[in-house]
PDB file of all heavy atoms in Angstrom:
ATOM      1  N   ALA A   1      20.714   8.305 -44.843  1.00  0.00           N
ATOM      2  CA  ALA A   1      20.591   9.316 -45.914  1.00  0.00           C
ATOM      3  C   ALA A   1      20.030   8.728 -47.226  1.00  0.00           C
ATOM      4  O   ALA A   1      19.085   9.263 -47.808  1.00  0.00           O
ATOM      5  CB  ALA A   1      21.914   9.990 -46.169  1.00  0.00           C
ATOM      6  N   PRO A   2      20.566   7.585 -47.682  1.00  0.00           N
ATOM      7  CA  PRO A   2      20.011   7.006 -48.940  1.00  0.00           C
ATOM      8  C   PRO A   2      18.528   6.678 -48.820  1.00  0.00           C
ATOM      9  O   PRO A   2      17.753   6.895 -49.719  1.00  0.00           O
ATOM     10  CB  PRO A   2      20.847   5.747 -49.134  1.00  0.00           C
ATOM     11  CG  PRO A   2      22.113   6.010 -48.444  1.00  0.00           C
ATOM     12  CD  PRO A   2      21.721   6.812 -47.218  1.00  0.00           C
ATOM     13  N   PHE A   3      18.135   6.148 -47.654  1.00  0.00           N
ATOM     14  CA  PHE A   3      16.761   5.774 -47.410  1.00  0.00           C
ATOM     15  C   PHE A   3      15.876   7.021 -47.510  1.00  0.00           C
ATOM     16  O   PHE A   3      14.768   7.029 -48.092  1.00  0.00           O
ATOM     17  CB  PHE A   3      16.644   5.127 -46.065  1.00  0.00           C
ATOM     18  CG  PHE A   3      15.280   4.515 -45.761  1.00  0.00           C
ATOM     19  CD1 PHE A   3      14.632   3.752 -46.708  1.00  0.00           C
ATOM     20  CD2 PHE A   3      14.742   4.692 -44.504  1.00  0.00           C
ATOM     21  CE1 PHE A   3      13.429   3.163 -46.361  1.00  0.00           C
ATOM     22  CE2 PHE A   3      13.525   4.109 -44.181  1.00  0.00           C
ATOM     23  CZ  PHE A   3      12.827   3.355 -45.147  1.00  0.00           C
ATOM     24  N   GLY A   4      16.348   8.119 -46.913  1.00  0.00           N
ATOM     25  CA  GLY A   4      15.596   9.349 -46.918  1.00  0.00           C
ATOM     26  C   GLY A   4      15.476   9.928 -48.299  1.00  0.00           C
ATOM     27  O   GLY A   4      14.438  10.426 -48.724  1.00  0.00           O
ATOM     28  N   ILE A   5      16.560   9.910 -49.053  1.00  0.00           N
ATOM     29  CA  ILE A   5      16.601  10.466 -50.414  1.00  0.00           C
ATOM     30  C   ILE A   5      15.632   9.676 -51.356  1.00  0.00           C
ATOM     31  O   ILE A   5      14.872  10.251 -52.113  1.00  0.00           O
ATOM     32  CB  ILE A   5      18.005  10.459 -51.005  1.00  0.00           C
ATOM     33  CG1 ILE A   5      18.896  11.459 -50.247  1.00  0.00           C
ATOM     34  CG2 ILE A   5      18.006  10.797 -52.476  1.00  0.00           C
ATOM     35  CD1 ILE A   5      20.369  11.323 -50.523  1.00  0.00           C
ATOM     36  N   ILE A   6      15.695   8.336 -51.227  1.00  0.00           N
ATOM     37  CA  ILE A   6      14.789   7.501 -52.018  1.00  0.00           C
ATOM     38  C   ILE A   6      13.328   7.790 -51.650  1.00  0.00           C
ATOM     39  O   ILE A   6      12.448   7.893 -52.575  1.00  0.00           O
ATOM     40  CB  ILE A   6      15.116   6.007 -51.813  1.00  0.00           C
ATOM     41  CG1 ILE A   6      16.529   5.696 -52.409  1.00  0.00           C
ATOM     42  CG2 ILE A   6      14.067   5.108 -52.437  1.00  0.00           C
ATOM     43  CD1 ILE A   6      17.038   4.346 -52.071  1.00  0.00           C
ATOM     44  N   SER A   7      13.051   7.899 -50.382  1.00  0.00           N
ATOM     45  CA  SER A   7      11.673   8.172 -49.941  1.00  0.00           C
ATOM     46  C   SER A   7      11.155   9.501 -50.477  1.00  0.00           C
ATOM     47  O   SER A   7      10.008   9.633 -50.895  1.00  0.00           O
ATOM     48  CB  SER A   7      11.593   8.178 -48.397  1.00  0.00           C
ATOM     49  OG  SER A   7      11.890   6.864 -47.909  1.00  0.00           O
ATOM     50  N   ALA A   8      12.032  10.535 -50.485  1.00  0.00           N
ATOM     51  CA  ALA A   8      11.727  11.828 -50.976  1.00  0.00           C
ATOM     52  C   ALA A   8      11.399  11.747 -52.484  1.00  0.00           C
ATOM     53  O   ALA A   8      10.399  12.379 -52.952  1.00  0.00           O
ATOM     54  CB  ALA A   8      12.789  12.848 -50.689  1.00  0.00           C
ATOM     55  N   PHE A   9      12.186  11.007 -53.180  1.00  0.00           N
ATOM     56  CA  PHE A   9      11.973  10.849 -54.643  1.00  0.00           C
ATOM     57  C   PHE A   9      10.679  10.155 -54.920  1.00  0.00           C
ATOM     58  O   PHE A   9       9.871  10.532 -55.791  1.00  0.00           O
ATOM     59  CB  PHE A   9      13.145  10.068 -55.265  1.00  0.00           C
ATOM     60  CG  PHE A   9      12.941   9.710 -56.726  1.00  0.00           C
ATOM     61  CD1 PHE A   9      13.039  10.705 -57.698  1.00  0.00           C
ATOM     62  CD2 PHE A   9      12.639   8.432 -57.072  1.00  0.00           C
ATOM     63  CE1 PHE A   9      12.832  10.376 -59.064  1.00  0.00           C
ATOM     64  CE2 PHE A   9      12.439   8.097 -58.420  1.00  0.00           C
ATOM     65  CZ  PHE A   9      12.494   9.056 -59.407  1.00  0.00           C
ATOM     66  N   LEU A  10      10.386   9.076 -54.199  1.00  0.00           N
ATOM     67  CA  LEU A  10       9.145   8.355 -54.377  1.00  0.00           C
ATOM     68  C   LEU A  10       7.899   9.213 -54.039  1.00  0.00           C
ATOM     69  O   LEU A  10       6.827   9.033 -54.580  1.00  0.00           O
ATOM     70  CB  LEU A  10       9.138   7.073 -53.568  1.00  0.00           C
ATOM     71  CG  LEU A  10      10.144   5.980 -53.992  1.00  0.00           C
ATOM     72  CD1 LEU A  10      10.188   4.804 -53.033  1.00  0.00           C
ATOM     73  CD2 LEU A  10       9.852   5.519 -55.423  1.00  0.00           C
ATOM     74  N   PHE A  11       8.087  10.130 -53.055  1.00  0.00           N
ATOM     75  CA  PHE A  11       7.012  11.079 -52.757  1.00  0.00           C
ATOM     76  C   PHE A  11       6.824  12.047 -53.945  1.00  0.00           C
ATOM     77  O   PHE A  11       5.678  12.295 -54.374  1.00  0.00           O
ATOM     78  CB  PHE A  11       7.307  11.841 -51.507  1.00  0.00           C
ATOM     79  CG  PHE A  11       6.481  13.088 -51.309  1.00  0.00           C
ATOM     80  CD1 PHE A  11       5.122  12.947 -51.029  1.00  0.00           C
ATOM     81  CD2 PHE A  11       7.018  14.341 -51.353  1.00  0.00           C
ATOM     82  CE1 PHE A  11       4.305  14.071 -50.875  1.00  0.00           C
ATOM     83  CE2 PHE A  11       6.225  15.479 -51.197  1.00  0.00           C
ATOM     84  CZ  PHE A  11       4.880  15.372 -50.928  1.00  0.00           C
ATOM     85  N   ILE A  12       7.884  12.550 -54.488  1.00  0.00           N
ATOM     86  CA  ILE A  12       7.823  13.497 -55.582  1.00  0.00           C
ATOM     87  C   ILE A  12       7.087  12.883 -56.806  1.00  0.00           C
ATOM     88  O   ILE A  12       6.312  13.566 -57.450  1.00  0.00           O
ATOM     89  CB  ILE A  12       9.202  13.971 -55.982  1.00  0.00           C
ATOM     90  CG1 ILE A  12       9.785  14.911 -54.913  1.00  0.00           C
ATOM     91  CG2 ILE A  12       9.168  14.777 -57.308  1.00  0.00           C
ATOM     92  CD1 ILE A  12      11.272  15.247 -55.029  1.00  0.00           C
ATOM     93  N   ILE A  13       7.328  11.609 -57.091  1.00  0.00           N
ATOM     94  CA  ILE A  13       6.733  10.982 -58.250  1.00  0.00           C
ATOM     95  C   ILE A  13       5.367  10.355 -57.899  1.00  0.00           C
ATOM     96  O   ILE A  13       4.766   9.719 -58.790  1.00  0.00           O
ATOM     97  CB  ILE A  13       7.691   9.965 -58.906  1.00  0.00           C
ATOM     98  CG1 ILE A  13       7.920   8.757 -57.980  1.00  0.00           C
ATOM     99  CG2 ILE A  13       8.983  10.588 -59.350  1.00  0.00           C
ATOM    100  CD1 ILE A  13       8.749   7.676 -58.632  1.00  0.00           C
ATOM    101  N   GLY A  14       4.947  10.531 -56.683  1.00  0.00           N
ATOM    102  CA  GLY A  14       3.587  10.108 -56.313  1.00  0.00           C
ATOM    103  C   GLY A  14       3.434   8.673 -55.831  1.00  0.00           C
ATOM    104  O   GLY A  14       2.305   8.213 -55.627  1.00  0.00           O
ATOM    105  N   LEU A  15       4.534   7.987 -55.578  1.00  0.00           N
ATOM    106  CA  LEU A  15       4.437   6.588 -55.117  1.00  0.00           C
ATOM    107  C   LEU A  15       4.352   6.508 -53.592  1.00  0.00           C
ATOM    108  O   LEU A  15       3.898   5.493 -53.035  1.00  0.00           O
ATOM    109  CB  LEU A  15       5.608   5.756 -55.632  1.00  0.00           C
ATOM    110  CG  LEU A  15       5.672   5.570 -57.164  1.00  0.00           C
ATOM    111  CD1 LEU A  15       6.859   4.729 -57.516  1.00  0.00           C
ATOM    112  CD2 LEU A  15       4.361   4.919 -57.651  1.00  0.00           C
ATOM    113  N   PHE A  16       4.832   7.523 -52.910  1.00  0.00           N
ATOM    114  CA  PHE A  16       4.723   7.565 -51.430  1.00  0.00           C
ATOM    115  C   PHE A  16       3.926   8.799 -51.026  1.00  0.00           C
ATOM    116  O   PHE A  16       3.944   9.825 -51.688  1.00  0.00           O
ATOM    117  CB  PHE A  16       6.121   7.757 -50.807  1.00  0.00           C
ATOM    118  CG  PHE A  16       6.849   6.486 -50.552  1.00  0.00           C
ATOM    119  CD1 PHE A  16       6.473   5.248 -51.044  1.00  0.00           C
ATOM    120  CD2 PHE A  16       8.024   6.494 -49.754  1.00  0.00           C
ATOM    121  CE1 PHE A  16       7.164   4.072 -50.835  1.00  0.00           C
ATOM    122  CE2 PHE A  16       8.739   5.339 -49.489  1.00  0.00           C
ATOM    123  CZ  PHE A  16       8.309   4.117 -50.039  1.00  0.00           C
ATOM    124  N   SER A  17       3.099   8.625 -49.965  1.00  0.00           N
ATOM    125  CA  SER A  17       2.408   9.759 -49.416  1.00  0.00           C
ATOM    126  C   SER A  17       3.383  10.598 -48.643  1.00  0.00           C
ATOM    127  O   SER A  17       4.511  10.127 -48.317  1.00  0.00           O
ATOM    128  CB  SER A  17       1.324   9.285 -48.454  1.00  0.00           C
ATOM    129  OG  SER A  17       1.870   8.654 -47.352  1.00  0.00           O
ATOM    130  N   ALA A  18       3.054  11.865 -48.369  1.00  0.00           N
ATOM    131  CA  ALA A  18       3.940  12.719 -47.562  1.00  0.00           C
ATOM    132  C   ALA A  18       4.148  12.133 -46.200  1.00  0.00           C
ATOM    133  O   ALA A  18       5.257  12.210 -45.614  1.00  0.00           O
ATOM    134  CB  ALA A  18       3.283  14.130 -47.467  1.00  0.00           C
ATOM    135  N   LYS A  19       3.115  11.470 -45.627  1.00  0.00           N
ATOM    136  CA  LYS A  19       3.206  10.845 -44.305  1.00  0.00           C
ATOM    137  C   LYS A  19       4.283   9.746 -44.329  1.00  0.00           C
ATOM    138  O   LYS A  19       5.109   9.675 -43.471  1.00  0.00           O
ATOM    139  CB  LYS A  19       1.860  10.348 -43.886  1.00  0.00           C
ATOM    140  CG  LYS A  19       1.892   9.607 -42.531  1.00  0.00           C
ATOM    141  CD  LYS A  19       0.470   9.142 -42.117  1.00  0.00           C
ATOM    142  CE  LYS A  19       0.473   8.451 -40.795  1.00  0.00           C
ATOM    143  NZ  LYS A  19      -0.917   8.046 -40.390  1.00  0.00           N
ATOM    144  N   ARG A  20       4.204   8.844 -45.313  1.00  0.00           N
ATOM    145  CA  ARG A  20       5.150   7.722 -45.383  1.00  0.00           C
ATOM    146  C   ARG A  20       6.561   8.210 -45.594  1.00  0.00           C
ATOM    147  O   ARG A  20       7.500   7.745 -44.987  1.00  0.00           O
ATOM    148  CB  ARG A  20       4.700   6.800 -46.498  1.00  0.00           C
ATOM    149  CG  ARG A  20       5.598   5.520 -46.528  1.00  0.00           C
ATOM    150  CD  ARG A  20       5.072   4.504 -47.576  1.00  0.00           C
ATOM    151  NE  ARG A  20       5.912   3.354 -47.636  1.00  0.00           N
ATOM    152  CZ  ARG A  20       5.777   2.352 -48.532  1.00  0.00           C
ATOM    153  NH1 ARG A  20       4.805   2.405 -49.409  1.00  0.00           N
ATOM    154  NH2 ARG A  20       6.628   1.362 -48.497  1.00  0.00           N
ATOM    155  N   ALA A  21       6.716   9.198 -46.513  1.00  0.00           N
ATOM    156  CA  ALA A  21       8.033   9.713 -46.845  1.00  0.00           C
ATOM    157  C   ALA A  21       8.651  10.360 -45.543  1.00  0.00           C
ATOM    158  O   ALA A  21       9.818  10.176 -45.294  1.00  0.00           O
ATOM    159  CB  ALA A  21       7.957  10.741 -47.945  1.00  0.00           C
ATOM    160  N   LYS A  22       7.842  11.074 -44.817  1.00  0.00           N
ATOM    161  CA  LYS A  22       8.329  11.690 -43.623  1.00  0.00           C
ATOM    162  C   LYS A  22       8.714  10.695 -42.558  1.00  0.00           C
ATOM    163  O   LYS A  22       9.744  10.802 -41.893  1.00  0.00           O
ATOM    164  CB  LYS A  22       7.289  12.694 -43.068  1.00  0.00           C
ATOM    165  CG  LYS A  22       7.782  13.478 -41.834  1.00  0.00           C
ATOM    166  CD  LYS A  22       6.787  14.538 -41.438  1.00  0.00           C
ATOM    167  CE  LYS A  22       6.714  15.663 -42.503  1.00  0.00           C
ATOM    168  NZ  LYS A  22       5.819  16.759 -42.095  1.00  0.00           N
ATOM    169  N   GLU A  23       7.895   9.682 -42.365  1.00  0.00           N
ATOM    170  CA  GLU A  23       8.213   8.640 -41.398  1.00  0.00           C
ATOM    171  C   GLU A  23       9.473   7.943 -41.757  1.00  0.00           C
ATOM    172  O   GLU A  23      10.344   7.657 -40.912  1.00  0.00           O
ATOM    173  CB  GLU A  23       7.032   7.616 -41.378  1.00  0.00           C
ATOM    174  CG  GLU A  23       5.791   8.110 -40.643  1.00  0.00           C
ATOM    175  CD  GLU A  23       4.695   7.118 -40.665  1.00  0.00           C
ATOM    176  OE1 GLU A  23       4.629   6.265 -41.618  1.00  0.00           O
ATOM    177  OE2 GLU A  23       3.808   7.170 -39.727  1.00  0.00           O
ATOM    178  N   ASN A  24       9.711   7.676 -43.041  1.00  0.00           N
ATOM    179  CA  ASN A  24      10.952   7.047 -43.479  1.00  0.00           C
ATOM    180  C   ASN A  24      12.166   7.958 -43.223  1.00  0.00           C
ATOM    181  O   ASN A  24      13.214   7.528 -42.750  1.00  0.00           O
ATOM    182  CB  ASN A  24      10.880   6.655 -44.985  1.00  0.00           C
ATOM    183  CG  ASN A  24       9.998   5.480 -45.191  1.00  0.00           C
ATOM    184  OD1 ASN A  24       9.583   4.811 -44.306  1.00  0.00           O
ATOM    185  ND2 ASN A  24       9.698   5.232 -46.464  1.00  0.00           N
ATOM    186  N   PHE A  25      12.033   9.213 -43.579  1.00  0.00           N
ATOM    187  CA  PHE A  25      13.132  10.151 -43.429  1.00  0.00           C
ATOM    188  C   PHE A  25      13.593  10.298 -42.008  1.00  0.00           C
ATOM    189  O   PHE A  25      14.751  10.380 -41.683  1.00  0.00           O
ATOM    190  CB  PHE A  25      12.749  11.528 -44.028  1.00  0.00           C
ATOM    191  CG  PHE A  25      13.944  12.470 -44.064  1.00  0.00           C
ATOM    192  CD1 PHE A  25      14.734  12.563 -45.174  1.00  0.00           C
ATOM    193  CD2 PHE A  25      14.218  13.328 -42.986  1.00  0.00           C
ATOM    194  CE1 PHE A  25      15.820  13.393 -45.232  1.00  0.00           C
ATOM    195  CE2 PHE A  25      15.284  14.226 -43.008  1.00  0.00           C
ATOM    196  CZ  PHE A  25      16.085  14.236 -44.157  1.00  0.00           C
TER     197      PHE A  25
END
């Protein structure tokens, strides 16, 4: 869960692509 939440946040602020955030989640 923490890994997924952090990835979603980094996607929202533009540091992660949607692809990377989804793979992490």
